[in-house]
Structures are given as C-alpha cells and as structure tokens.
Amino acid sequence: MKKDHNPTGKRGRPRPESNTSLRPDSARGTAAIPKDVDPRFCGLRDAVKRGWYRLEAGELFAGFQVSRKDVVLDVGCGEGNAALFCARQGAHVVCSDADAGKIKALAKKMKEAGARKFEAFISDSLPLPLPDAYATKILCTEMLEHTPDPGKIMAELVRVGKPNARYLITVPDARSERLQMHVADPLYFSAPNHIQIFDRERFLRLVEDAGLAVLKYDTWGFYWTVFMSLFWIAKRQEHLQGAILDSIKPPYPPVLQSWANTWAGLMELNGAEKLMESFDQYLPKTQVIIAEKRKFIGSVI
C-alpha cells in the first residue's frame, strides 16, 4: 500500500469537490454570500474545503475513514465536533477531556448523534482509564500543545490502541505560533493554553518515537492564523481568562468580521483554490499527522 508520508514536504491536497455539503448551490464563481458570515462557520467551511468532515466518504480527514465497526477514542475532545462526526458514522465513541463542563455538554449532544455506543470520562489522560488495545481509531487534535509532557500522552495513546489502529493527531504549526507571539496576550502561551510549540521535525519525531508509523503529513488553516493574529489586536484592551478558544464568540469586532467576510468571498471565487493551497502550505495554523500502530513496534514495511 502506498503511503503518503513524504519527508520532503511535497504532498497532494484533498480536492474540495469531494464534499459540497457546505457549498451554496447558488455559487457560480462570484462572492454570492450574505453580508456578514459567522467567523466560526466560515472556518468550518474552510475546513471542509481542506479535507475535513467528508460525510459522503465517511472520512473525518482525507485518508482517515471512520465506520460503524470502529471504536473511536477522542482524547482532549473539547466541544466534540470530531467525536460527533464519528458518532454519525455509527461508531462506538469514547471521549476524554479534563474539562467536566465540556464532557457534560457533549454527552447531551451525543444522545441524537447515532453512535452505537458512547462513553465519556473526565481525565488529564495520564493515565487514560482504559485497558490496553481498546480502540481502533484514536483522535488527539489540538491537545498536545496544552500538556507539559507530550511524550507521556503519546505513550498512553499507543497503549490503548489496538494493533493496526489508526491515529489522527494535530498540533498548531510553529510558524503560526511564532507570528502570534509578538501580539498575543501572554495567557495564550501559558497554562491552560499553549505551553508547547512544535515545528515539523519535532512533531514527526514525537509521533515516531512513540512507536507509530507516519502515513501522512499535511498542514492547513491559514484562515485561522490571520484570524487569531487580528484577534489579539482587537482584544488587546480586554482581560482574557481561561481557555482562549472559549473567548472566540459573538459579538465579533469589526476587523474579525471583515476578515471572515473576505475569506468567505475568496472561497466562492473560481480559481482561488490554488491560492488557498499556497496559503495553507506557507503559513498554516495546524499540522496534521495520520499514523498507524504496527503489530510489532518498530517494524518496517
């Protein structure tokens, strides 16, 4: 089987034609969009174009398929968008987060999501309250940057994965983080927010040193890099507390609303895809790895 892992960094990009569920039927190459677009919904539409939430293919991300037979563990699930997608595929879904409020809110949403089984627990993941070789699919998205010991978290993720389990792991891109350092509230780079920064080399090494085989590496999220950089300027006079993600909510400052409207308009223009691919390659918000747990750690194919 051909693998997508490419140390040179050159890679194919999932085509947006594979998922049109969030594309207005009226789009004909012009910015035919409402005057104001909700910035978070704009980010979701961008994610779909970049290969996330491919309902027709049953892929949470391009190349990472989830089906009813899977036991999916989402570590650091947060609001649970990824877990809910997996539930809608009929999978057995297990969610873990250190925030009891988020677990409680997600449990309510899961009642109508269609999972064949749902489990949830409050945990910092050290250790995970699960037996060895429990899950077939493991999600760890935007979580490792929050922990003081990513290596220990990875060891737990590997422990609870079955042989040949697939992993979807994401962390912020170092280029986006360093750009924001000059304008961000100091809270952003302190607990409970980002206390680790991963460049490509460190991220790949972290995953491979845990005993996983990297199948695919990708980046995306230029929209969010710009959004967050503007966010710090717009919110400079505010006293932010706790998880920064929880502060991204209406009403949005005019500069953030303007950026969302601009990006939403760009997504509707014919020929914009190549430009968006370039943005995501050179100044992404997020790095993505799909990896596999081999039956014998350290084996090579």
Protein backbone atom coordinates (compact mmCIF):
# COMPACT_ATOMS: atom_id res chain seq x y z
CA MET A 1 0.00 0.00 0.00
CA LYS A 2 1.41 3.38 -0.95
CA LYS A 3 1.98 5.71 1.97
CA ASP A 4 1.62 9.49 1.91
CA HIS A 5 4.41 10.29 4.38
CA ASN A 6 6.94 12.40 2.48
CA PRO A 7 9.92 13.88 4.33
CA THR A 8 10.40 16.47 1.57
CA GLY A 9 7.15 18.15 2.50
CA LYS A 10 5.71 17.92 -1.03
CA ARG A 11 2.23 16.46 -0.92
CA GLY A 12 -1.10 16.27 -2.63
CA ARG A 13 -4.02 18.33 -1.38
CA PRO A 14 -7.54 16.92 -0.99
CA ARG A 15 -9.77 18.44 -3.62
CA PRO A 16 -12.77 20.43 -2.44
CA GLU A 17 -15.07 18.78 -4.99
CA SER A 18 -15.20 15.72 -2.73
CA ASN A 19 -17.51 17.46 -0.28
CA THR A 20 -20.02 20.12 -1.30
CA SER A 21 -22.30 19.88 1.72
CA LEU A 22 -21.42 23.40 2.87
CA ARG A 23 -21.19 24.99 -0.55
CA PRO A 24 -24.19 27.17 -1.51
CA ASP A 25 -25.98 25.89 -4.61
CA SER A 26 -26.06 29.45 -5.91
CA ALA A 27 -22.26 29.77 -6.05
CA ARG A 28 -21.20 30.39 -9.64
CA GLY A 29 -17.72 31.77 -9.21
CA THR A 30 -18.72 35.01 -7.51
CA ALA A 31 -18.87 36.02 -3.86
CA ALA A 32 -22.61 35.45 -3.56
CA ILE A 33 -22.63 35.31 0.21
CA PRO A 34 -24.51 37.09 2.99
CA LYS A 35 -23.19 40.48 4.06
CA ASP A 36 -21.82 39.07 7.31
CA VAL A 37 -20.64 35.48 7.71
CA ASP A 38 -20.23 33.95 11.15
CA PRO A 39 -16.43 33.67 11.52
CA ARG A 40 -16.55 30.22 13.11
CA PHE A 41 -18.87 28.89 10.40
CA CYS A 42 -16.50 30.38 7.83
CA GLY A 43 -13.72 28.40 9.47
CA LEU A 44 -15.83 25.24 9.27
CA ARG A 45 -16.45 25.77 5.55
CA ASP A 46 -12.74 26.28 5.06
CA ALA A 47 -12.06 23.04 6.95
CA VAL A 48 -14.40 21.12 4.65
CA LYS A 49 -12.60 22.51 1.61
CA ARG A 50 -9.29 21.44 3.13
CA GLY A 51 -10.42 17.81 3.54
CA TRP A 52 -12.17 17.69 6.94
CA TYR A 53 -15.62 16.23 7.69
CA ARG A 54 -16.11 14.34 4.41
CA LEU A 55 -19.51 12.88 5.13
CA GLU A 56 -20.00 11.07 1.83
CA ALA A 57 -16.68 9.25 2.18
CA GLY A 58 -17.00 8.76 5.94
CA GLU A 59 -13.64 10.48 6.42
CA LEU A 60 -13.02 12.75 9.38
CA PHE A 61 -10.00 13.97 7.42
CA ALA A 62 -8.93 12.95 3.93
CA GLY A 63 -7.44 9.47 4.32
CA PHE A 64 -8.84 8.85 7.82
CA GLN A 65 -12.05 6.87 7.45
CA VAL A 66 -14.39 6.02 10.33
CA SER A 67 -17.07 3.34 10.16
CA ARG A 68 -19.61 1.61 12.39
CA LYS A 69 -17.14 -1.16 13.26
CA ASP A 70 -14.67 1.29 14.81
CA VAL A 71 -14.06 2.08 18.46
CA VAL A 72 -13.02 5.75 18.34
CA LEU A 73 -11.22 7.40 21.24
CA ASP A 74 -11.12 11.22 21.23
CA VAL A 75 -8.58 12.42 23.80
CA GLY A 76 -8.99 16.07 24.76
CA CYS A 77 -12.29 16.15 22.87
CA GLY A 78 -13.26 19.73 23.78
CA GLU A 79 -16.56 20.70 22.17
CA GLY A 80 -16.59 17.34 20.40
CA ASN A 81 -17.02 18.20 16.72
CA ALA A 82 -14.74 15.33 15.67
CA ALA A 83 -16.39 12.90 18.08
CA LEU A 84 -19.85 13.85 16.81
CA PHE A 85 -18.76 13.22 13.22
CA CYS A 86 -17.59 9.74 14.24
CA ALA A 87 -20.86 9.12 16.09
CA ARG A 88 -22.79 9.94 12.92
CA GLN A 89 -20.87 7.16 11.19
CA GLY A 90 -22.33 4.78 13.80
CA ALA A 91 -19.03 4.14 15.59
CA HIS A 92 -18.55 3.32 19.26
CA VAL A 93 -17.24 6.68 20.56
CA VAL A 94 -15.19 7.24 23.71
CA CYS A 95 -14.44 10.82 24.79
CA SER A 96 -11.97 12.17 27.32
CA ASP A 97 -11.34 15.72 28.50
CA ALA A 98 -10.09 17.43 31.64
CA ASP A 99 -13.00 19.92 31.46
CA ALA A 100 -16.07 18.42 33.15
CA GLY A 101 -18.35 21.05 31.62
CA LYS A 102 -17.34 20.12 28.08
CA ILE A 103 -17.90 16.41 28.77
CA LYS A 104 -21.36 17.13 30.16
CA ALA A 105 -22.34 19.31 27.17
CA LEU A 106 -21.03 16.74 24.69
CA ALA A 107 -22.92 13.90 26.37
CA LYS A 108 -26.18 15.77 25.68
CA LYS A 109 -25.32 16.24 22.01
CA MET A 110 -24.40 12.57 21.65
CA LYS A 111 -27.90 11.37 22.54
CA GLU A 112 -29.12 12.05 19.00
CA ALA A 113 -25.84 11.58 17.11
CA GLY A 114 -26.24 7.88 16.25
CA ALA A 115 -23.23 6.28 17.93
CA ARG A 116 -23.71 2.54 18.53
CA LYS A 117 -22.19 3.14 21.97
CA PHE A 118 -20.94 6.23 23.81
CA GLU A 119 -18.59 6.51 26.77
CA ALA A 120 -17.08 9.61 28.36
CA PHE A 121 -14.85 10.38 31.28
CA ILE A 122 -13.08 13.32 32.86
CA SER A 123 -9.32 12.78 32.72
CA ASP A 124 -6.00 14.52 32.09
CA SER A 125 -5.04 11.38 30.13
CA LEU A 126 -2.23 10.39 32.50
CA PRO A 127 -3.24 7.65 32.62
CA LEU A 128 -6.28 7.03 30.45
CA PRO A 129 -8.82 4.89 32.35
CA LEU A 130 -8.95 2.30 29.58
CA PRO A 131 -7.44 -1.18 29.09
CA ASP A 132 -4.65 -1.91 26.65
CA ALA A 133 -5.56 -2.33 22.96
CA TYR A 134 -9.03 -0.81 23.30
CA ALA A 135 -9.59 1.49 20.30
CA THR A 136 -9.21 1.13 16.54
CA LYS A 137 -9.16 4.88 15.84
CA ILE A 138 -7.56 7.46 18.15
CA LEU A 139 -8.02 11.21 17.84
CA CYS A 140 -5.77 13.74 19.53
CA THR A 141 -6.49 17.11 17.96
CA GLU A 142 -5.04 20.38 19.27
CA MET A 143 -4.31 18.81 22.66
CA LEU A 144 -0.59 18.02 22.90
CA GLU A 145 0.39 21.71 22.98
CA HIS A 146 -1.51 22.03 26.28
CA THR A 147 0.36 19.32 28.18
CA PRO A 148 3.71 19.53 29.98
CA ASP A 149 4.77 16.05 28.82
CA PRO A 150 3.59 15.23 25.28
CA GLY A 151 5.72 12.08 25.23
CA LYS A 152 3.78 10.55 28.12
CA ILE A 153 0.47 11.39 26.42
CA MET A 154 1.67 9.70 23.23
CA ALA A 155 2.70 6.60 25.19
CA GLU A 156 -0.83 6.36 26.59
CA LEU A 157 -2.37 6.79 23.14
CA VAL A 158 -0.22 3.96 21.80
CA ARG A 159 -1.03 1.73 24.78
CA VAL A 160 -4.81 1.93 24.27
CA GLY A 161 -4.67 1.43 20.50
CA LYS A 162 -5.28 -2.00 19.00
CA PRO A 163 -2.68 -3.44 16.61
CA ASN A 164 -3.02 -1.57 13.30
CA ALA A 165 -5.03 1.21 14.96
CA ARG A 166 -5.04 4.49 13.06
CA TYR A 167 -4.25 7.82 14.71
CA LEU A 168 -5.27 11.35 13.71
CA ILE A 169 -3.08 13.84 15.56
CA THR A 170 -2.92 17.61 15.14
CA VAL A 171 -0.94 20.42 16.73
CA PRO A 172 -0.55 24.14 15.95
CA ASP A 173 2.11 24.96 13.38
CA ALA A 174 5.21 26.68 14.79
CA ARG A 175 5.08 29.40 12.11
CA SER A 176 1.62 30.49 13.19
CA GLU A 177 2.56 30.35 16.87
CA ARG A 178 5.69 32.46 16.39
CA LEU A 179 3.80 35.04 14.37
CA GLN A 180 1.30 35.44 17.19
CA MET A 181 3.95 35.68 19.90
CA HIS A 182 4.52 39.34 19.09
CA VAL A 183 0.89 40.33 19.60
CA ALA A 184 -0.78 37.63 21.72
CA ASP A 185 -1.88 38.01 25.30
CA PRO A 186 0.76 36.25 27.46
CA LEU A 187 -2.05 33.99 28.66
CA TYR A 188 -2.04 32.28 25.27
CA PHE A 189 1.42 30.83 25.86
CA SER A 190 0.81 29.71 29.43
CA ALA A 191 -1.33 27.02 31.05
CA PRO A 192 -4.08 26.06 30.34
CA ASN A 193 -3.34 27.23 26.80
CA HIS A 194 -0.25 26.62 24.66
CA ILE A 195 2.86 25.57 26.58
CA GLN A 196 4.47 23.57 23.74
CA ILE A 197 5.47 24.65 20.24
CA PHE A 198 6.03 22.02 17.54
CA ASP A 199 7.86 22.57 14.31
CA ARG A 200 7.53 19.88 11.64
CA GLU A 201 10.64 17.98 12.76
CA ARG A 202 9.66 17.88 16.43
CA PHE A 203 6.10 16.81 15.63
CA LEU A 204 7.17 13.94 13.38
CA ARG A 205 9.79 12.81 15.88
CA LEU A 206 7.26 12.84 18.73
CA VAL A 207 4.91 10.54 16.82
CA GLU A 208 7.59 8.21 15.50
CA ASP A 209 9.41 7.96 18.84
CA ALA A 210 6.14 6.76 20.37
CA GLY A 211 6.32 3.76 18.04
CA LEU A 212 3.84 4.87 15.37
CA ALA A 213 4.40 4.79 11.62
CA VAL A 214 3.55 8.10 9.95
CA LEU A 215 1.35 7.58 6.89
CA LYS A 216 0.55 11.18 6.04
CA TYR A 217 1.63 14.70 7.00
CA ASP A 218 -0.34 17.80 5.99
CA THR A 219 -0.99 21.40 7.00
CA TRP A 220 -3.96 23.74 6.79
CA GLY A 221 -5.62 26.73 8.48
CA PHE A 222 -4.20 29.97 7.03
CA TYR A 223 -7.62 31.49 7.68
CA TRP A 224 -7.23 30.86 11.42
CA THR A 225 -3.63 32.12 11.50
CA VAL A 226 -4.79 35.52 10.26
CA PHE A 227 -7.96 35.45 12.37
CA MET A 228 -6.05 34.82 15.59
CA SER A 229 -3.40 37.43 14.79
CA LEU A 230 -6.15 40.01 14.31
CA PHE A 231 -7.98 38.69 17.37
CA TRP A 232 -5.12 39.73 19.65
CA ILE A 233 -5.12 43.27 18.29
CA ALA A 234 -8.90 43.58 18.53
CA LYS A 235 -9.00 42.17 22.08
CA ARG A 236 -5.91 43.99 23.40
CA GLN A 237 -7.89 46.00 25.95
CA GLU A 238 -9.87 43.04 27.26
CA HIS A 239 -8.95 40.92 30.27
CA LEU A 240 -8.95 37.38 28.92
CA GLN A 241 -9.09 34.37 31.22
CA GLY A 242 -9.01 30.59 30.95
CA ALA A 243 -9.13 28.75 27.61
CA ILE A 244 -8.75 31.28 24.78
CA LEU A 245 -10.96 29.21 22.47
CA ASP A 246 -13.91 29.97 24.74
CA SER A 247 -13.38 33.72 24.10
CA ILE A 248 -13.94 33.39 20.35
CA LYS A 249 -17.65 34.16 20.21
CA PRO A 250 -20.09 36.88 19.16
CA PRO A 251 -20.21 39.81 19.04
CA TYR A 252 -17.13 39.90 16.84
CA PRO A 253 -15.02 43.05 16.47
CA PRO A 254 -15.39 44.66 13.01
CA VAL A 255 -11.88 43.66 11.88
CA LEU A 256 -12.61 39.95 12.57
CA GLN A 257 -15.98 40.16 10.86
CA SER A 258 -14.36 41.82 7.86
CA TRP A 259 -11.71 39.09 7.63
CA ALA A 260 -14.36 36.34 7.75
CA ASN A 261 -16.35 38.06 5.02
CA THR A 262 -13.22 38.40 2.87
CA TRP A 263 -12.24 34.74 3.25
CA ALA A 264 -15.81 33.57 2.62
CA GLY A 265 -15.84 35.59 -0.57
CA LEU A 266 -12.50 34.16 -1.66
CA MET A 267 -13.78 30.61 -1.18
CA GLU A 268 -16.51 31.30 -3.73
CA LEU A 269 -14.24 32.60 -6.47
CA ASN A 270 -13.31 30.39 -9.40
CA GLY A 271 -9.57 29.79 -9.45
CA ALA A 272 -9.00 30.61 -5.78
CA GLU A 273 -8.20 27.04 -4.75
CA LYS A 274 -4.52 27.15 -5.76
CA LEU A 275 -4.01 30.39 -3.85
CA MET A 276 -5.66 28.93 -0.77
CA GLU A 277 -3.44 25.84 -1.05
CA SER A 278 -0.37 28.08 -1.09
CA PHE A 279 -1.57 30.00 1.96
CA ASP A 280 -2.12 26.73 3.83
CA GLN A 281 1.33 25.46 2.87
CA TYR A 282 3.37 28.52 3.82
CA LEU A 283 1.52 29.94 6.84
CA PRO A 284 -0.78 27.23 8.24
CA LYS A 285 -2.45 27.20 11.62
CA THR A 286 -2.35 23.43 12.07
CA GLN A 287 -0.20 20.39 11.30
CA VAL A 288 -1.92 17.03 10.74
CA ILE A 289 -0.49 13.53 11.00
CA ILE A 290 -2.21 10.24 10.20
CA ALA A 291 -0.27 7.36 11.76
CA GLU A 292 -0.61 3.64 12.37
CA LYS A 293 0.27 1.32 15.24
CA ARG A 294 2.08 -1.64 13.76
CA LYS A 295 1.58 -5.07 15.26
CA PHE A 296 5.23 -5.11 16.26
CA ILE A 297 6.54 -1.73 17.39
CA GLY A 298 9.48 -0.70 15.28
CA SER A 299 8.62 -2.93 12.31
CA VAL A 300 9.23 -1.55 8.84
CA ILE A 301 7.37 -2.25 5.62
